[in-house]
Amino acid sequence: FAGEHVTAGTILVKQRGTKFHPGLNVRRGSDDTLFTVVDGQVRFEHKNKKRYQVSVYPRTDG
């Protein structure tokens, strides 16, 4: 799933609790679901030893 191109509004992670935290261009719903607010590429990044941060970077055509 990391590296995939997603569209705005796509659910990235359904979870209970917050193992995955929202990063750049990602928001958290009331049930801890993470979803994207822009079109782009998904990246999972280490926040610390036990937690990940999920970010979506807009695609840059060049």
PDB file of N, CA and C in Angstrom:
ATOM      1  N   PHE A   1       0.814  -1.188   0.000  1.00  0.00           N
ATOM      2  CA  PHE A   1       0.000   0.000   0.000  1.00  0.00           C
ATOM      3  C   PHE A   1       0.859   1.254   0.000  1.00  0.00           C
ATOM      4  N   ALA A   2       1.996   1.224   0.654  1.00  0.00           N
ATOM      5  CA  ALA A   2       2.895   2.383   0.613  1.00  0.00           C
ATOM      6  C   ALA A   2       3.391   2.568  -0.817  1.00  0.00           C
ATOM      7  N   GLY A   3       3.435   3.808  -1.252  1.00  0.00           N
ATOM      8  CA  GLY A   3       3.878   4.094  -2.608  1.00  0.00           C
ATOM      9  C   GLY A   3       2.748   4.167  -3.615  1.00  0.00           C
ATOM     10  N   GLU A   4       1.553   3.739  -3.239  1.00  0.00           N
ATOM     11  CA  GLU A   4       0.413   3.778  -4.156  1.00  0.00           C
ATOM     12  C   GLU A   4      -0.079   5.204  -4.341  1.00  0.00           C
ATOM     13  N   HIS A   5      -0.667   5.461  -5.497  1.00  0.00           N
ATOM     14  CA  HIS A   5      -1.296   6.748  -5.768  1.00  0.00           C
ATOM     15  C   HIS A   5      -2.748   6.663  -5.310  1.00  0.00           C
ATOM     16  N   VAL A   6      -3.187   7.632  -4.496  1.00  0.00           N
ATOM     17  CA  VAL A   6      -4.554   7.645  -3.975  1.00  0.00           C
ATOM     18  C   VAL A   6      -5.218   8.972  -4.315  1.00  0.00           C
ATOM     19  N   THR A   7      -6.544   8.969  -4.289  1.00  0.00           N
ATOM     20  CA  THR A   7      -7.311  10.184  -4.540  1.00  0.00           C
ATOM     21  C   THR A   7      -7.845  10.728  -3.221  1.00  0.00           C
ATOM     22  N   ALA A   8      -8.212  11.995  -3.215  1.00  0.00           N
ATOM     23  CA  ALA A   8      -8.728  12.642  -2.013  1.00  0.00           C
ATOM     24  C   ALA A   8      -9.954  11.902  -1.498  1.00  0.00           C
ATOM     25  N   GLY A   9     -10.028  11.708  -0.192  1.00  0.00           N
ATOM     26  CA  GLY A   9     -11.151  11.024   0.427  1.00  0.00           C
ATOM     27  C   GLY A   9     -10.951   9.538   0.612  1.00  0.00           C
ATOM     28  N   THR A  10      -9.852   8.995   0.109  1.00  0.00           N
ATOM     29  CA  THR A  10      -9.580   7.565   0.230  1.00  0.00           C
ATOM     30  C   THR A  10      -9.240   7.207   1.671  1.00  0.00           C
ATOM     31  N   ILE A  11      -9.860   6.137   2.177  1.00  0.00           N
ATOM     32  CA  ILE A  11      -9.531   5.639   3.509  1.00  0.00           C
ATOM     33  C   ILE A  11      -8.204   4.895   3.419  1.00  0.00           C
ATOM     34  N   LEU A  12      -7.252   5.298   4.247  1.00  0.00           N
ATOM     35  CA  LEU A  12      -5.923   4.697   4.237  1.00  0.00           C
ATOM     36  C   LEU A  12      -5.805   3.586   5.270  1.00  0.00           C
ATOM     37  N   VAL A  13      -6.320   3.821   6.488  1.00  0.00           N
ATOM     38  CA  VAL A  13      -6.198   2.849   7.578  1.00  0.00           C
ATOM     39  C   VAL A  13      -7.469   2.869   8.404  1.00  0.00           C
ATOM     40  N   LYS A  14      -8.066   1.687   8.624  1.00  0.00           N
ATOM     41  CA  LYS A  14      -9.159   1.528   9.586  1.00  0.00           C
ATOM     42  C   LYS A  14      -8.527   0.917  10.820  1.00  0.00           C
ATOM     43  N   GLN A  15      -8.671   1.567  11.975  1.00  0.00           N
ATOM     44  CA  GLN A  15      -7.981   1.092  13.169  1.00  0.00           C
ATOM     45  C   GLN A  15      -8.785   1.416  14.417  1.00  0.00           C
ATOM     46  N   ARG A  16      -8.449   0.730  15.496  1.00  0.00           N
ATOM     47  CA  ARG A  16      -8.958   1.047  16.828  1.00  0.00           C
ATOM     48  C   ARG A  16      -7.758   1.500  17.632  1.00  0.00           C
ATOM     49  N   GLY A  17      -7.819   2.700  18.165  1.00  0.00           N
ATOM     50  CA  GLY A  17      -6.642   3.269  18.801  1.00  0.00           C
ATOM     51  C   GLY A  17      -5.843   4.028  17.761  1.00  0.00           C
ATOM     52  N   THR A  18      -4.623   4.399  18.115  1.00  0.00           N
ATOM     53  CA  THR A  18      -3.834   5.226  17.199  1.00  0.00           C
ATOM     54  C   THR A  18      -2.427   4.669  16.996  1.00  0.00           C
ATOM     55  N   LYS A  19      -2.332   3.464  16.479  1.00  0.00           N
ATOM     56  CA  LYS A  19      -1.019   2.932  16.115  1.00  0.00           C
ATOM     57  C   LYS A  19      -0.442   3.743  14.961  1.00  0.00           C
ATOM     58  N   PHE A  20      -1.299   4.112  14.017  1.00  0.00           N
ATOM     59  CA  PHE A  20      -0.897   4.948  12.894  1.00  0.00           C
ATOM     60  C   PHE A  20      -1.427   6.356  13.141  1.00  0.00           C
ATOM     61  N   HIS A  21      -0.547   7.341  13.058  1.00  0.00           N
ATOM     62  CA  HIS A  21      -0.921   8.730  13.287  1.00  0.00           C
ATOM     63  C   HIS A  21      -0.970   9.481  11.966  1.00  0.00           C
ATOM     64  N   PRO A  22      -1.843  10.499  11.871  1.00  0.00           N
ATOM     65  CA  PRO A  22      -1.926  11.262  10.629  1.00  0.00           C
ATOM     66  C   PRO A  22      -0.702  12.149  10.433  1.00  0.00           C
ATOM     67  N   GLY A  23      -0.201  12.172   9.222  1.00  0.00           N
ATOM     68  CA  GLY A  23       0.923  13.035   8.865  1.00  0.00           C
ATOM     69  C   GLY A  23       0.455  14.093   7.889  1.00  0.00           C
ATOM     70  N   LEU A  24       1.304  14.407   6.936  1.00  0.00           N
ATOM     71  CA  LEU A  24       1.023  15.437   5.948  1.00  0.00           C
ATOM     72  C   LEU A  24      -0.157  15.042   5.060  1.00  0.00           C
ATOM     73  N   ASN A  25      -1.158  15.921   4.951  1.00  0.00           N
ATOM     74  CA  ASN A  25      -2.336  15.741   4.089  1.00  0.00           C
ATOM     75  C   ASN A  25      -3.196  14.545   4.468  1.00  0.00           C
ATOM     76  N   VAL A  26      -3.144  14.121   5.727  1.00  0.00           N
ATOM     77  CA  VAL A  26      -3.961  13.009   6.221  1.00  0.00           C
ATOM     78  C   VAL A  26      -4.712  13.496   7.453  1.00  0.00           C
ATOM     79  N   ARG A  27      -5.982  13.121   7.560  1.00  0.00           N
ATOM     80  CA  ARG A  27      -6.805  13.492   8.708  1.00  0.00           C
ATOM     81  C   ARG A  27      -7.309  12.234   9.394  1.00  0.00           C
ATOM     82  N   ARG A  28      -7.700  12.394  10.675  1.00  0.00           N
ATOM     83  CA  ARG A  28      -8.208  11.277  11.464  1.00  0.00           C
ATOM     84  C   ARG A  28      -9.689  11.486  11.724  1.00  0.00           C
ATOM     85  N   GLY A  29     -10.491  10.457  11.438  1.00  0.00           N
ATOM     86  CA  GLY A  29     -11.918  10.511  11.697  1.00  0.00           C
ATOM     87  C   GLY A  29     -12.211  10.228  13.162  1.00  0.00           C
ATOM     88  N   SER A  30     -13.473  10.344  13.564  1.00  0.00           N
ATOM     89  CA  SER A  30     -13.857  10.151  14.962  1.00  0.00           C
ATOM     90  C   SER A  30     -13.636   8.723  15.439  1.00  0.00           C
ATOM     91  N   ASP A  31     -13.599   7.759  14.521  1.00  0.00           N
ATOM     92  CA  ASP A  31     -13.350   6.357  14.890  1.00  0.00           C
ATOM     93  C   ASP A  31     -11.896   5.957  14.619  1.00  0.00           C
ATOM     94  N   ASP A  32     -10.983   6.940  14.564  1.00  0.00           N
ATOM     95  CA  ASP A  32      -9.540   6.748  14.357  1.00  0.00           C
ATOM     96  C   ASP A  32      -9.171   6.301  12.944  1.00  0.00           C
ATOM     97  N   THR A  33     -10.125   6.333  12.016  1.00  0.00           N
ATOM     98  CA  THR A  33      -9.833   6.025  10.618  1.00  0.00           C
ATOM     99  C   THR A  33      -9.002   7.154  10.017  1.00  0.00           C
ATOM    100  N   LEU A  34      -7.974   6.802   9.262  1.00  0.00           N
ATOM    101  CA  LEU A  34      -7.150   7.805   8.587  1.00  0.00           C
ATOM    102  C   LEU A  34      -7.558   7.898   7.125  1.00  0.00           C
ATOM    103  N   PHE A  35      -7.737   9.123   6.648  1.00  0.00           N
ATOM    104  CA  PHE A  35      -8.121   9.332   5.256  1.00  0.00           C
ATOM    105  C   PHE A  35      -7.332  10.499   4.682  1.00  0.00           C
ATOM    106  N   THR A  36      -7.195  10.511   3.365  1.00  0.00           N
ATOM    107  CA  THR A  36      -6.413  11.545   2.703  1.00  0.00           C
ATOM    108  C   THR A  36      -7.293  12.718   2.273  1.00  0.00           C
ATOM    109  N   VAL A  37      -6.697  13.896   2.236  1.00  0.00           N
ATOM    110  CA  VAL A  37      -7.432  15.087   1.810  1.00  0.00           C
ATOM    111  C   VAL A  37      -6.944  15.620   0.463  1.00  0.00           C
ATOM    112  N   VAL A  38      -5.906  14.998  -0.102  1.00  0.00           N
ATOM    113  CA  VAL A  38      -5.394  15.398  -1.423  1.00  0.00           C
ATOM    114  C   VAL A  38      -5.071  14.153  -2.240  1.00  0.00           C
ATOM    115  N   ASP A  39      -4.961  14.318  -3.547  1.00  0.00           N
ATOM    116  CA  ASP A  39      -4.462  13.244  -4.405  1.00  0.00           C
ATOM    117  C   ASP A  39      -2.950  13.183  -4.243  1.00  0.00           C
ATOM    118  N   GLY A  40      -2.399  11.980  -4.186  1.00  0.00           N
ATOM    119  CA  GLY A  40      -0.948  11.873  -4.072  1.00  0.00           C
ATOM    120  C   GLY A  40      -0.480  10.466  -3.782  1.00  0.00           C
ATOM    121  N   GLN A  41       0.765  10.363  -3.324  1.00  0.00           N
ATOM    122  CA  GLN A  41       1.418   9.084  -3.059  1.00  0.00           C
ATOM    123  C   GLN A  41       1.514   8.855  -1.553  1.00  0.00           C
ATOM    124  N   VAL A  42       1.180   7.639  -1.115  1.00  0.00           N
ATOM    125  CA  VAL A  42       1.168   7.281   0.303  1.00  0.00           C
ATOM    126  C   VAL A  42       2.566   6.903   0.765  1.00  0.00           C
ATOM    127  N   ARG A  43       2.923   7.380   1.964  1.00  0.00           N
ATOM    128  CA  ARG A  43       4.186   6.979   2.598  1.00  0.00           C
ATOM    129  C   ARG A  43       3.933   6.695   4.074  1.00  0.00           C
ATOM    130  N   PHE A  44       4.465   5.565   4.534  1.00  0.00           N
ATOM    131  CA  PHE A  44       4.428   5.219   5.949  1.00  0.00           C
ATOM    132  C   PHE A  44       5.801   5.546   6.522  1.00  0.00           C
ATOM    133  N   GLU A  45       5.839   6.386   7.558  1.00  0.00           N
ATOM    134  CA  GLU A  45       7.106   6.831   8.132  1.00  0.00           C
ATOM    135  C   GLU A  45       7.121   6.518   9.621  1.00  0.00           C
ATOM    136  N   HIS A  46       8.299   6.206  10.157  1.00  0.00           N
ATOM    137  CA  HIS A  46       8.411   5.957  11.593  1.00  0.00           C
ATOM    138  C   HIS A  46       8.268   7.269  12.347  1.00  0.00           C
ATOM    139  N   LYS A  47       7.366   7.280  13.337  1.00  0.00           N
ATOM    140  CA  LYS A  47       7.232   8.442  14.208  1.00  0.00           C
ATOM    141  C   LYS A  47       8.111   8.238  15.435  1.00  0.00           C
ATOM    142  N   ASN A  48       8.096   7.028  15.974  1.00  0.00           N
ATOM    143  CA  ASN A  48       9.018   6.583  17.014  1.00  0.00           C
ATOM    144  C   ASN A  48       9.089   5.064  16.928  1.00  0.00           C
ATOM    145  N   LYS A  49       9.591   4.393  17.944  1.00  0.00           N
ATOM    146  CA  LYS A  49       9.804   2.945  17.850  1.00  0.00           C
ATOM    147  C   LYS A  49       8.521   2.146  17.631  1.00  0.00           C
ATOM    148  N   LYS A  50       7.403   2.595  18.201  1.00  0.00           N
ATOM    149  CA  LYS A  50       6.167   1.821  18.136  1.00  0.00           C
ATOM    150  C   LYS A  50       5.098   2.423  17.226  1.00  0.00           C
ATOM    151  N   ARG A  51       5.273   3.642  16.818  1.00  0.00           N
ATOM    152  CA  ARG A  51       4.230   4.333  16.067  1.00  0.00           C
ATOM    153  C   ARG A  51       4.686   4.697  14.657  1.00  0.00           C
ATOM    154  N   TYR A  52       3.725   4.685  13.767  1.00  0.00           N
ATOM    155  CA  TYR A  52       3.968   5.101  12.387  1.00  0.00           C
ATOM    156  C   TYR A  52       3.159   6.351  12.095  1.00  0.00           C
ATOM    157  N   GLN A  53       3.650   7.118  11.157  1.00  0.00           N
ATOM    158  CA  GLN A  53       2.937   8.281  10.663  1.00  0.00           C
ATOM    159  C   GLN A  53       2.637   8.031   9.196  1.00  0.00           C
ATOM    160  N   VAL A  54       1.396   8.253   8.798  1.00  0.00           N
ATOM    161  CA  VAL A  54       0.992   8.053   7.408  1.00  0.00           C
ATOM    162  C   VAL A  54       0.837   9.426   6.763  1.00  0.00           C
ATOM    163  N   SER A  55       1.559   9.650   5.677  1.00  0.00           N
ATOM    164  CA  SER A  55       1.507  10.922   4.960  1.00  0.00           C
ATOM    165  C   SER A  55       1.156  10.673   3.501  1.00  0.00           C
ATOM    166  N   VAL A  56       0.582  11.688   2.865  1.00  0.00           N
ATOM    167  CA  VAL A  56       0.302  11.638   1.431  1.00  0.00           C
ATOM    168  C   VAL A  56       0.953  12.862   0.806  1.00  0.00           C
ATOM    169  N   TYR A  57       1.891  12.606  -0.103  1.00  0.00           N
ATOM    170  CA  TYR A  57       2.611  13.677  -0.775  1.00  0.00           C
ATOM    171  C   TYR A  57       2.027  13.872  -2.166  1.00  0.00           C
ATOM    172  N   PRO A  58       1.655  15.126  -2.502  1.00  0.00           N
ATOM    173  CA  PRO A  58       1.125  15.390  -3.841  1.00  0.00           C
ATOM    174  C   PRO A  58       2.138  14.992  -4.903  1.00  0.00           C
ATOM    175  N   ARG A  59       1.630  14.444  -5.992  1.00  0.00           N
ATOM    176  CA  ARG A  59       2.512  14.017  -7.080  1.00  0.00           C
ATOM    177  C   ARG A  59       3.032  15.246  -7.818  1.00  0.00           C
ATOM    178  N   THR A  60       4.327  15.255  -8.053  1.00  0.00           N
ATOM    179  CA  THR A  60       4.928  16.361  -8.804  1.00  0.00           C
ATOM    180  C   THR A  60       5.381  15.830 -10.151  1.00  0.00           C
ATOM    181  N   ASP A  61       4.771  16.328 -11.202  1.00  0.00           N
ATOM    182  CA  ASP A  61       5.160  15.918 -12.552  1.00  0.00           C
ATOM    183  C   ASP A  61       6.347  16.765 -12.981  1.00  0.00           C
ATOM    184  N   GLY A  62       7.383  16.102 -13.462  1.00  0.00           N
ATOM    185  CA  GLY A  62       8.550  16.876 -13.829  1.00  0.00           C
ATOM    186  C   GLY A  62       9.274  16.204 -14.870  1.00  0.00           C
TER     187      GLY A  62
END
